[in-house]
Amino acid sequence: MKRAWAQIISIWTLVAVMTLVVTIGSEPDQALAWYGAILAGSIASVCLIHLVKASATGIVTELIYVAGGSYLMLATASLYLLPKLT
């Protein structure tokens, strides 16, 4: 399980960095579109890791943690952009 947490935290770190880059570097309405791509990429990366490992052990748990954490980060960034959209 320690290896799973290392993968989960590394994906969360990548999502956080990408969210900051998109939030700072693009228009607010375009950033919201990018957030969907970032979330989909984080979920797809878990699937890709398990595909390469050829093991399905723990995939559901990792998907839940990665998707939940990524969604929370992106929702927070969306709330930051909300006043700029109006």
PDB file of N, CA and C in Angstrom:
ATOM      1  N   MET A   1       0.813  -1.200   0.000  1.00  0.00           N
ATOM      2  CA  MET A   1       0.000   0.000   0.000  1.00  0.00           C
ATOM      3  C   MET A   1       0.856   1.264   0.000  1.00  0.00           C
ATOM      4  N   LYS A   2       2.101   1.152   0.515  1.00  0.00           N
ATOM      5  CA  LYS A   2       2.980   2.317   0.507  1.00  0.00           C
ATOM      6  C   LYS A   2       3.297   2.751  -0.918  1.00  0.00           C
ATOM      7  N   ARG A   3       3.479   1.786  -1.805  1.00  0.00           N
ATOM      8  CA  ARG A   3       3.758   2.106  -3.200  1.00  0.00           C
ATOM      9  C   ARG A   3       2.553   2.799  -3.838  1.00  0.00           C
ATOM     10  N   ALA A   4       1.353   2.354  -3.467  1.00  0.00           N
ATOM     11  CA  ALA A   4       0.142   2.978  -4.003  1.00  0.00           C
ATOM     12  C   ALA A   4       0.050   4.435  -3.566  1.00  0.00           C
ATOM     13  N   TRP A   5       0.373   4.718  -2.305  1.00  0.00           N
ATOM     14  CA  TRP A   5       0.322   6.092  -1.828  1.00  0.00           C
ATOM     15  C   TRP A   5       1.358   6.960  -2.529  1.00  0.00           C
ATOM     16  N   ALA A   6       2.498   6.404  -2.839  1.00  0.00           N
ATOM     17  CA  ALA A   6       3.512   7.166  -3.572  1.00  0.00           C
ATOM     18  C   ALA A   6       2.996   7.546  -4.955  1.00  0.00           C
ATOM     19  N   GLN A   7       2.317   6.624  -5.614  1.00  0.00           N
ATOM     20  CA  GLN A   7       1.743   6.916  -6.930  1.00  0.00           C
ATOM     21  C   GLN A   7       0.613   7.934  -6.830  1.00  0.00           C
ATOM     22  N   ILE A   8      -0.229   7.780  -5.825  1.00  0.00           N
ATOM     23  CA  ILE A   8      -1.354   8.699  -5.646  1.00  0.00           C
ATOM     24  C   ILE A   8      -0.843  10.117  -5.388  1.00  0.00           C
ATOM     25  N   ILE A   9       0.127  10.250  -4.503  1.00  0.00           N
ATOM     26  CA  ILE A   9       0.655  11.576  -4.176  1.00  0.00           C
ATOM     27  C   ILE A   9       1.388  12.191  -5.362  1.00  0.00           C
ATOM     28  N   SER A  10       2.073  11.370  -6.146  1.00  0.00           N
ATOM     29  CA  SER A  10       2.753  11.918  -7.325  1.00  0.00           C
ATOM     30  C   SER A  10       1.742  12.419  -8.355  1.00  0.00           C
ATOM     31  N   ILE A  11       0.635  11.725  -8.511  1.00  0.00           N
ATOM     32  CA  ILE A  11      -0.409  12.184  -9.442  1.00  0.00           C
ATOM     33  C   ILE A  11      -1.053  13.453  -8.901  1.00  0.00           C
ATOM     34  N   TRP A  12      -1.313  13.505  -7.592  1.00  0.00           N
ATOM     35  CA  TRP A  12      -1.869  14.721  -6.996  1.00  0.00           C
ATOM     36  C   TRP A  12      -0.936  15.907  -7.191  1.00  0.00           C
ATOM     37  N   THR A  13       0.349  15.688  -7.059  1.00  0.00           N
ATOM     38  CA  THR A  13       1.324  16.759  -7.253  1.00  0.00           C
ATOM     39  C   THR A  13       1.285  17.267  -8.686  1.00  0.00           C
ATOM     40  N   LEU A  14       1.237  16.347  -9.628  1.00  0.00           N
ATOM     41  CA  LEU A  14       1.158  16.729 -11.034  1.00  0.00           C
ATOM     42  C   LEU A  14      -0.125  17.505 -11.324  1.00  0.00           C
ATOM     43  N   VAL A  15      -1.241  17.059 -10.748  1.00  0.00           N
ATOM     44  CA  VAL A  15      -2.514  17.762 -10.927  1.00  0.00           C
ATOM     45  C   VAL A  15      -2.428  19.169 -10.331  1.00  0.00           C
ATOM     46  N   ALA A  16      -1.833  19.307  -9.160  1.00  0.00           N
ATOM     47  CA  ALA A  16      -1.714  20.619  -8.530  1.00  0.00           C
ATOM     48  C   ALA A  16      -0.865  21.567  -9.376  1.00  0.00           C
ATOM     49  N   VAL A  17       0.237  21.075  -9.910  1.00  0.00           N
ATOM     50  CA  VAL A  17       1.104  21.911 -10.744  1.00  0.00           C
ATOM     51  C   VAL A  17       0.387  22.317 -12.028  1.00  0.00           C
ATOM     52  N   MET A  18      -0.274  21.359 -12.662  1.00  0.00           N
ATOM     53  CA  MET A  18      -0.991  21.669 -13.902  1.00  0.00           C
ATOM     54  C   MET A  18      -2.142  22.641 -13.648  1.00  0.00           C
ATOM     55  N   THR A  19      -2.808  22.501 -12.517  1.00  0.00           N
ATOM     56  CA  THR A  19      -3.895  23.412 -12.180  1.00  0.00           C
ATOM     57  C   THR A  19      -3.374  24.824 -11.981  1.00  0.00           C
ATOM     58  N   LEU A  20      -2.259  24.973 -11.295  1.00  0.00           N
ATOM     59  CA  LEU A  20      -1.667  26.299 -11.114  1.00  0.00           C
ATOM     60  C   LEU A  20      -1.249  26.926 -12.436  1.00  0.00           C
ATOM     61  N   VAL A  21      -0.644  26.137 -13.304  1.00  0.00           N
ATOM     62  CA  VAL A  21      -0.202  26.650 -14.598  1.00  0.00           C
ATOM     63  C   VAL A  21      -1.395  27.112 -15.425  1.00  0.00           C
ATOM     64  N   VAL A  22      -2.439  26.308 -15.463  1.00  0.00           N
ATOM     65  CA  VAL A  22      -3.625  26.658 -16.250  1.00  0.00           C
ATOM     66  C   VAL A  22      -4.353  27.851 -15.639  1.00  0.00           C
ATOM     67  N   THR A  23      -4.467  27.890 -14.320  1.00  0.00           N
ATOM     68  CA  THR A  23      -5.176  28.984 -13.654  1.00  0.00           C
ATOM     69  C   THR A  23      -4.469  30.312 -13.874  1.00  0.00           C
ATOM     70  N   ILE A  24      -3.167  30.302 -13.805  1.00  0.00           N
ATOM     71  CA  ILE A  24      -2.401  31.541 -13.966  1.00  0.00           C
ATOM     72  C   ILE A  24      -2.230  31.915 -15.433  1.00  0.00           C
ATOM     73  N   GLY A  25      -2.068  30.921 -16.295  1.00  0.00           N
ATOM     74  CA  GLY A  25      -1.671  31.199 -17.663  1.00  0.00           C
ATOM     75  C   GLY A  25      -2.758  31.299 -18.703  1.00  0.00           C
ATOM     76  N   SER A  26      -4.024  31.122 -18.342  1.00  0.00           N
ATOM     77  CA  SER A  26      -5.063  31.189 -19.369  1.00  0.00           C
ATOM     78  C   SER A  26      -6.252  31.998 -18.876  1.00  0.00           C
ATOM     79  N   GLU A  27      -7.139  32.301 -19.800  1.00  0.00           N
ATOM     80  CA  GLU A  27      -8.366  33.022 -19.471  1.00  0.00           C
ATOM     81  C   GLU A  27      -9.258  32.146 -18.593  1.00  0.00           C
ATOM     82  N   PRO A  28     -10.066  32.755 -17.731  1.00  0.00           N
ATOM     83  CA  PRO A  28     -10.897  31.958 -16.818  1.00  0.00           C
ATOM     84  C   PRO A  28     -11.835  30.969 -17.508  1.00  0.00           C
ATOM     85  N   ASP A  29     -12.463  31.360 -18.613  1.00  0.00           N
ATOM     86  CA  ASP A  29     -13.371  30.429 -19.268  1.00  0.00           C
ATOM     87  C   ASP A  29     -12.613  29.280 -19.942  1.00  0.00           C
ATOM     88  N   GLN A  30     -11.424  29.539 -20.426  1.00  0.00           N
ATOM     89  CA  GLN A  30     -10.607  28.479 -21.000  1.00  0.00           C
ATOM     90  C   GLN A  30     -10.038  27.573 -19.912  1.00  0.00           C
ATOM     91  N   ALA A  31      -9.746  28.140 -18.766  1.00  0.00           N
ATOM     92  CA  ALA A  31      -9.201  27.349 -17.663  1.00  0.00           C
ATOM     93  C   ALA A  31     -10.202  26.294 -17.212  1.00  0.00           C
ATOM     94  N   LEU A  32     -11.482  26.654 -17.170  1.00  0.00           N
ATOM     95  CA  LEU A  32     -12.494  25.683 -16.765  1.00  0.00           C
ATOM     96  C   LEU A  32     -12.556  24.503 -17.729  1.00  0.00           C
ATOM     97  N   ALA A  33     -12.349  24.760 -19.007  1.00  0.00           N
ATOM     98  CA  ALA A  33     -12.323  23.667 -19.983  1.00  0.00           C
ATOM     99  C   ALA A  33     -11.099  22.775 -19.765  1.00  0.00           C
ATOM    100  N   TRP A  34      -9.979  23.397 -19.426  1.00  0.00           N
ATOM    101  CA  TRP A  34      -8.763  22.622 -19.171  1.00  0.00           C
ATOM    102  C   TRP A  34      -8.885  21.772 -17.916  1.00  0.00           C
ATOM    103  N   TYR A  35      -9.650  22.229 -16.943  1.00  0.00           N
ATOM    104  CA  TYR A  35      -9.808  21.476 -15.700  1.00  0.00           C
ATOM    105  C   TYR A  35     -10.408  20.097 -15.966  1.00  0.00           C
ATOM    106  N   GLY A  36     -11.339  20.016 -16.895  1.00  0.00           N
ATOM    107  CA  GLY A  36     -11.912  18.718 -17.246  1.00  0.00           C
ATOM    108  C   GLY A  36     -10.871  17.786 -17.840  1.00  0.00           C
ATOM    109  N   ALA A  37      -9.996  18.342 -18.664  1.00  0.00           N
ATOM    110  CA  ALA A  37      -8.930  17.533 -19.256  1.00  0.00           C
ATOM    111  C   ALA A  37      -7.930  17.077 -18.203  1.00  0.00           C
ATOM    112  N   ILE A  38      -7.639  17.931 -17.252  1.00  0.00           N
ATOM    113  CA  ILE A  38      -6.718  17.566 -16.172  1.00  0.00           C
ATOM    114  C   ILE A  38      -7.308  16.430 -15.339  1.00  0.00           C
ATOM    115  N   LEU A  39      -8.594  16.533 -15.005  1.00  0.00           N
ATOM    116  CA  LEU A  39      -9.246  15.481 -14.222  1.00  0.00           C
ATOM    117  C   LEU A  39      -9.267  14.161 -14.978  1.00  0.00           C
ATOM    118  N   ALA A  40      -9.602  14.215 -16.250  1.00  0.00           N
ATOM    119  CA  ALA A  40      -9.616  12.987 -17.058  1.00  0.00           C
ATOM    120  C   ALA A  40      -8.217  12.388 -17.172  1.00  0.00           C
ATOM    121  N   GLY A  41      -7.215  13.230 -17.307  1.00  0.00           N
ATOM    122  CA  GLY A  41      -5.846  12.736 -17.391  1.00  0.00           C
ATOM    123  C   GLY A  41      -5.368  12.076 -16.115  1.00  0.00           C
ATOM    124  N   SER A  42      -5.803  12.603 -14.978  1.00  0.00           N
ATOM    125  CA  SER A  42      -5.389  11.999 -13.707  1.00  0.00           C
ATOM    126  C   SER A  42      -6.009  10.612 -13.539  1.00  0.00           C
ATOM    127  N   ILE A  43      -7.254  10.478 -13.932  1.00  0.00           N
ATOM    128  CA  ILE A  43      -7.914   9.171 -13.844  1.00  0.00           C
ATOM    129  C   ILE A  43      -7.301   8.195 -14.851  1.00  0.00           C
ATOM    130  N   ALA A  44      -7.031   8.684 -16.043  1.00  0.00           N
ATOM    131  CA  ALA A  44      -6.425   7.823 -17.061  1.00  0.00           C
ATOM    132  C   ALA A  44      -5.021   7.380 -16.672  1.00  0.00           C
ATOM    133  N   SER A  45      -4.298   8.220 -15.945  1.00  0.00           N
ATOM    134  CA  SER A  45      -2.941   7.843 -15.544  1.00  0.00           C
ATOM    135  C   SER A  45      -2.955   6.671 -14.566  1.00  0.00           C
ATOM    136  N   VAL A  46      -3.949   6.618 -13.678  1.00  0.00           N
ATOM    137  CA  VAL A  46      -4.058   5.469 -12.774  1.00  0.00           C
ATOM    138  C   VAL A  46      -4.303   4.198 -13.581  1.00  0.00           C
ATOM    139  N   CYS A  47      -5.193   4.286 -14.547  1.00  0.00           N
ATOM    140  CA  CYS A  47      -5.477   3.117 -15.395  1.00  0.00           C
ATOM    141  C   CYS A  47      -4.238   2.700 -16.174  1.00  0.00           C
ATOM    142  N   LEU A  48      -3.497   3.672 -16.677  1.00  0.00           N
ATOM    143  CA  LEU A  48      -2.293   3.363 -17.439  1.00  0.00           C
ATOM    144  C   LEU A  48      -1.224   2.712 -16.563  1.00  0.00           C
ATOM    145  N   ILE A  49      -1.072   3.188 -15.349  1.00  0.00           N
ATOM    146  CA  ILE A  49      -0.099   2.585 -14.429  1.00  0.00           C
ATOM    147  C   ILE A  49      -0.442   1.127 -14.174  1.00  0.00           C
ATOM    148  N   HIS A  50      -1.714   0.850 -13.948  1.00  0.00           N
ATOM    149  CA  HIS A  50      -2.116  -0.534 -13.685  1.00  0.00           C
ATOM    150  C   HIS A  50      -2.046  -1.387 -14.936  1.00  0.00           C
ATOM    151  N   LEU A  51      -2.249  -0.795 -16.086  1.00  0.00           N
ATOM    152  CA  LEU A  51      -2.101  -1.539 -17.336  1.00  0.00           C
ATOM    153  C   LEU A  51      -0.651  -1.944 -17.555  1.00  0.00           C
ATOM    154  N   VAL A  52       0.267  -1.043 -17.276  1.00  0.00           N
ATOM    155  CA  VAL A  52       1.690  -1.343 -17.433  1.00  0.00           C
ATOM    156  C   VAL A  52       2.143  -2.384 -16.409  1.00  0.00           C
ATOM    157  N   LYS A  53       1.631  -2.263 -15.178  1.00  0.00           N
ATOM    158  CA  LYS A  53       1.991  -3.235 -14.137  1.00  0.00           C
ATOM    159  C   LYS A  53       1.338  -4.589 -14.372  1.00  0.00           C
ATOM    160  N   ALA A  54       0.291  -4.640 -15.203  1.00  0.00           N
ATOM    161  CA  ALA A  54      -0.477  -5.859 -15.466  1.00  0.00           C
ATOM    162  C   ALA A  54      -1.052  -6.439 -14.171  1.00  0.00           C
ATOM    163  N   SER A  55      -1.531  -5.536 -13.325  1.00  0.00           N
ATOM    164  CA  SER A  55      -2.116  -5.942 -12.059  1.00  0.00           C
ATOM    165  C   SER A  55      -3.298  -5.037 -11.750  1.00  0.00           C
ATOM    166  N   ALA A  56      -4.396  -5.662 -11.356  1.00  0.00           N
ATOM    167  CA  ALA A  56      -5.585  -4.885 -11.019  1.00  0.00           C
ATOM    168  C   ALA A  56      -5.760  -4.734  -9.514  1.00  0.00           C
ATOM    169  N   THR A  57      -4.783  -5.159  -8.759  1.00  0.00           N
ATOM    170  CA  THR A  57      -4.879  -5.090  -7.300  1.00  0.00           C
ATOM    171  C   THR A  57      -4.869  -3.639  -6.832  1.00  0.00           C
ATOM    172  N   GLY A  58      -5.944  -3.233  -6.169  1.00  0.00           N
ATOM    173  CA  GLY A  58      -6.026  -1.897  -5.596  1.00  0.00           C
ATOM    174  C   GLY A  58      -6.403  -0.791  -6.559  1.00  0.00           C
ATOM    175  N   ILE A  59      -6.810  -1.129  -7.761  1.00  0.00           N
ATOM    176  CA  ILE A  59      -7.094  -0.082  -8.750  1.00  0.00           C
ATOM    177  C   ILE A  59      -8.287   0.773  -8.353  1.00  0.00           C
ATOM    178  N   VAL A  60      -9.315   0.158  -7.784  1.00  0.00           N
ATOM    179  CA  VAL A  60     -10.505   0.929  -7.417  1.00  0.00           C
ATOM    180  C   VAL A  60     -10.180   1.924  -6.304  1.00  0.00           C
ATOM    181  N   THR A  61      -9.425   1.487  -5.330  1.00  0.00           N
ATOM    182  CA  THR A  61      -9.037   2.383  -4.234  1.00  0.00           C
ATOM    183  C   THR A  61      -8.209   3.551  -4.755  1.00  0.00           C
ATOM    184  N   GLU A  62      -7.260   3.261  -5.617  1.00  0.00           N
ATOM    185  CA  GLU A  62      -6.426   4.329  -6.175  1.00  0.00           C
ATOM    186  C   GLU A  62      -7.249   5.272  -7.039  1.00  0.00           C
ATOM    187  N   LEU A  63      -8.179   4.728  -7.819  1.00  0.00           N
ATOM    188  CA  LEU A  63      -9.033   5.588  -8.634  1.00  0.00           C
ATOM    189  C   LEU A  63      -9.868   6.529  -7.767  1.00  0.00           C
ATOM    190  N   ILE A  64     -10.400   6.012  -6.678  1.00  0.00           N
ATOM    191  CA  ILE A  64     -11.216   6.844  -5.792  1.00  0.00           C
ATOM    192  C   ILE A  64     -10.375   7.951  -5.169  1.00  0.00           C
ATOM    193  N   TYR A  65      -9.195   7.606  -4.667  1.00  0.00           N
ATOM    194  CA  TYR A  65      -8.343   8.614  -4.034  1.00  0.00           C
ATOM    195  C   TYR A  65      -7.852   9.653  -5.038  1.00  0.00           C
ATOM    196  N   VAL A  66      -7.412   9.209  -6.201  1.00  0.00           N
ATOM    197  CA  VAL A  66      -6.898  10.144  -7.208  1.00  0.00           C
ATOM    198  C   VAL A  66      -8.015  11.033  -7.723  1.00  0.00           C
ATOM    199  N   ALA A  67      -9.156  10.438  -8.055  1.00  0.00           N
ATOM    200  CA  ALA A  67     -10.265  11.236  -8.580  1.00  0.00           C
ATOM    201  C   ALA A  67     -10.790  12.206  -7.527  1.00  0.00           C
ATOM    202  N   GLY A  68     -10.929  11.751  -6.296  1.00  0.00           N
ATOM    203  CA  GLY A  68     -11.427  12.621  -5.236  1.00  0.00           C
ATOM    204  C   GLY A  68     -10.502  13.776  -4.942  1.00  0.00           C
ATOM    205  N   GLY A  69      -9.215  13.500  -4.817  1.00  0.00           N
ATOM    206  CA  GLY A  69      -8.246  14.558  -4.548  1.00  0.00           C
ATOM    207  C   GLY A  69      -8.122  15.537  -5.698  1.00  0.00           C
ATOM    208  N   SER A  70      -8.120  15.009  -6.915  1.00  0.00           N
ATOM    209  CA  SER A  70      -8.025  15.878  -8.086  1.00  0.00           C
ATOM    210  C   SER A  70      -9.265  16.754  -8.207  1.00  0.00           C
ATOM    211  N   TYR A  71     -10.429  16.157  -7.987  1.00  0.00           N
ATOM    212  CA  TYR A  71     -11.674  16.916  -8.055  1.00  0.00           C
ATOM    213  C   TYR A  71     -11.681  18.022  -7.009  1.00  0.00           C
ATOM    214  N   LEU A  72     -11.201  17.739  -5.822  1.00  0.00           N
ATOM    215  CA  LEU A  72     -11.161  18.740  -4.757  1.00  0.00           C
ATOM    216  C   LEU A  72     -10.244  19.905  -5.118  1.00  0.00           C
ATOM    217  N   MET A  73      -9.078  19.608  -5.676  1.00  0.00           N
ATOM    218  CA  MET A  73      -8.160  20.670  -6.085  1.00  0.00           C
ATOM    219  C   MET A  73      -8.761  21.520  -7.199  1.00  0.00           C
ATOM    220  N   LEU A  74      -9.376  20.862  -8.181  1.00  0.00           N
ATOM    221  CA  LEU A  74      -9.932  21.595  -9.311  1.00  0.00           C
ATOM    222  C   LEU A  74     -11.178  22.384  -8.910  1.00  0.00           C
ATOM    223  N   ALA A  75     -11.950  21.861  -7.980  1.00  0.00           N
ATOM    224  CA  ALA A  75     -13.116  22.603  -7.489  1.00  0.00           C
ATOM    225  C   ALA A  75     -12.684  23.862  -6.739  1.00  0.00           C
ATOM    226  N   THR A  76     -11.626  23.749  -5.969  1.00  0.00           N
ATOM    227  CA  THR A  76     -11.098  24.913  -5.259  1.00  0.00           C
ATOM    228  C   THR A  76     -10.595  25.971  -6.243  1.00  0.00           C
ATOM    229  N   ALA A  77      -9.912  25.531  -7.284  1.00  0.00           N
ATOM    230  CA  ALA A  77      -9.435  26.470  -8.304  1.00  0.00           C
ATOM    231  C   ALA A  77     -10.611  27.095  -9.050  1.00  0.00           C
ATOM    232  N   SER A  78     -11.679  26.340  -9.258  1.00  0.00           N
ATOM    233  CA  SER A  78     -12.869  26.881  -9.917  1.00  0.00           C
ATOM    234  C   SER A  78     -13.525  27.958  -9.064  1.00  0.00           C
ATOM    235  N   LEU A  79     -13.561  27.742  -7.750  1.00  0.00           N
ATOM    236  CA  LEU A  79     -14.109  28.762  -6.856  1.00  0.00           C
ATOM    237  C   LEU A  79     -13.265  30.031  -6.883  1.00  0.00           C
ATOM    238  N   TYR A  80     -11.964  29.864  -7.059  1.00  0.00           N
ATOM    239  CA  TYR A  80     -11.080  31.029  -7.188  1.00  0.00           C
ATOM    240  C   TYR A  80     -11.406  31.813  -8.455  1.00  0.00           C
ATOM    241  N   LEU A  81     -11.740  31.103  -9.534  1.00  0.00           N
ATOM    242  CA  LEU A  81     -12.019  31.763 -10.814  1.00  0.00           C
ATOM    243  C   LEU A  81     -13.444  32.319 -10.911  1.00  0.00           C
ATOM    244  N   LEU A  82     -14.322  31.899 -10.034  1.00  0.00           N
ATOM    245  CA  LEU A  82     -15.729  32.279 -10.122  1.00  0.00           C
ATOM    246  C   LEU A  82     -15.945  33.792 -10.168  1.00  0.00           C
ATOM    247  N   PRO A  83     -15.324  34.593  -9.318  1.00  0.00           N
ATOM    248  CA  PRO A  83     -15.545  36.053  -9.422  1.00  0.00           C
ATOM    249  C   PRO A  83     -15.021  36.651 -10.724  1.00  0.00           C
ATOM    250  N   LYS A  84     -14.029  36.042 -11.321  1.00  0.00           N
ATOM    251  CA  LYS A  84     -13.458  36.573 -12.568  1.00  0.00           C
ATOM    252  C   LYS A  84     -14.328  36.275 -13.772  1.00  0.00           C
ATOM    253  N   LEU A  85     -15.252  35.313 -13.654  1.00  0.00           N
ATOM    254  CA  LEU A  85     -16.118  34.950 -14.768  1.00  0.00           C
ATOM    255  C   LEU A  85     -17.291  35.897 -14.919  1.00  0.00           C
ATOM    256  N   THR A  86     -17.651  36.589 -13.863  1.00  0.00           N
ATOM    257  CA  THR A  86     -18.814  37.481 -13.936  1.00  0.00           C
ATOM    258  C   THR A  86     -18.439  38.902 -14.266  1.00  0.00           C
TER     259      THR A  86
END
